[in-house]
Amino acid sequence: MATETLKNNEYNRTFHIKEKDFNDLLDSDPIAVTPSPLIDHLIAQTEEERLLDARKFMEKRKHAR
């Protein structure tokens, strides 16, 4: 399982593995890790687009009450 985070335009992916699989990973070749399509989209957004999306989200929440 992997957890993806995007904070201050810095992408991180954390893998959660079982202890028994750890030694196998140490012996394996490294693999390329690429962001998911959602994270790619968020990274590509401009600051204005992020603010607009946040405003739209807040408006939806306001009207949902």
Protein backbone atom coordinates (compact mmCIF):
# COMPACT_ATOMS: atom_id res chain seq x y z
CA MET A 1 0.00 0.00 0.00
CA ALA A 2 1.25 3.50 -0.76
CA THR A 3 0.25 6.91 0.56
CA GLU A 4 0.70 9.91 -1.71
CA THR A 5 1.02 13.43 -0.33
CA LEU A 6 1.48 16.79 -1.94
CA LYS A 7 2.51 19.61 0.37
CA ASN A 8 3.91 22.93 -0.79
CA ASN A 9 4.33 21.44 -4.29
CA GLU A 10 6.57 18.69 -2.89
CA TYR A 11 5.47 15.18 -3.86
CA ASN A 12 6.04 12.23 -1.55
CA ARG A 13 4.98 8.61 -1.73
CA THR A 14 5.29 6.43 1.35
CA PHE A 15 5.09 2.66 1.01
CA HIS A 16 3.74 0.49 3.80
CA ILE A 17 5.13 -3.03 3.65
CA LYS A 18 5.07 -6.16 5.74
CA GLU A 19 8.26 -6.93 7.65
CA LYS A 20 8.69 -10.30 5.90
CA ASP A 21 8.81 -8.53 2.52
CA PHE A 22 11.47 -6.03 3.62
CA ASN A 23 14.50 -8.26 2.93
CA ASP A 24 13.17 -9.09 -0.54
CA LEU A 25 12.91 -5.38 -1.29
CA LEU A 26 16.48 -4.76 -0.14
CA ASP A 27 17.71 -7.41 -2.57
CA SER A 28 15.65 -6.18 -5.52
CA ASP A 29 16.50 -3.59 -8.14
CA PRO A 30 15.12 -0.08 -7.61
CA ILE A 31 11.95 0.82 -9.46
CA ALA A 32 10.84 4.18 -10.80
CA VAL A 33 8.06 5.74 -8.77
CA THR A 34 5.75 8.07 -10.64
CA PRO A 35 2.90 10.12 -9.21
CA SER A 36 -0.69 9.03 -9.79
CA PRO A 37 -2.76 10.92 -12.38
CA LEU A 38 -4.49 12.91 -9.62
CA ILE A 39 -1.19 14.07 -8.14
CA ASP A 40 0.09 14.90 -11.65
CA HIS A 41 -3.00 17.06 -12.15
CA LEU A 42 -2.54 18.83 -8.80
CA ILE A 43 1.14 19.53 -9.50
CA ALA A 44 0.28 20.96 -12.93
CA GLN A 45 -2.34 23.35 -11.55
CA THR A 46 -1.43 27.00 -11.20
CA GLU A 47 -1.93 28.87 -7.94
CA GLU A 48 -4.96 30.64 -9.44
CA GLU A 49 -6.55 27.32 -10.41
CA ARG A 50 -6.01 25.94 -6.90
CA LEU A 51 -7.61 29.03 -5.35
CA LEU A 52 -10.56 28.83 -7.75
CA ASP A 53 -11.07 25.13 -6.92
CA ALA A 54 -10.91 25.92 -3.20
CA ARG A 55 -13.51 28.69 -3.60
CA LYS A 56 -15.83 26.37 -5.54
CA PHE A 57 -15.44 23.70 -2.85
CA MET A 58 -16.25 26.17 -0.07
CA GLU A 59 -19.32 27.45 -1.97
CA LYS A 60 -20.62 23.88 -2.35
CA ARG A 61 -20.15 23.29 1.38
CA LYS A 62 -21.90 26.56 2.21
CA HIS A 63 -24.94 25.62 0.10
CA ALA A 64 -25.02 22.04 1.41
CA ARG A 65 -25.87 23.19 4.93
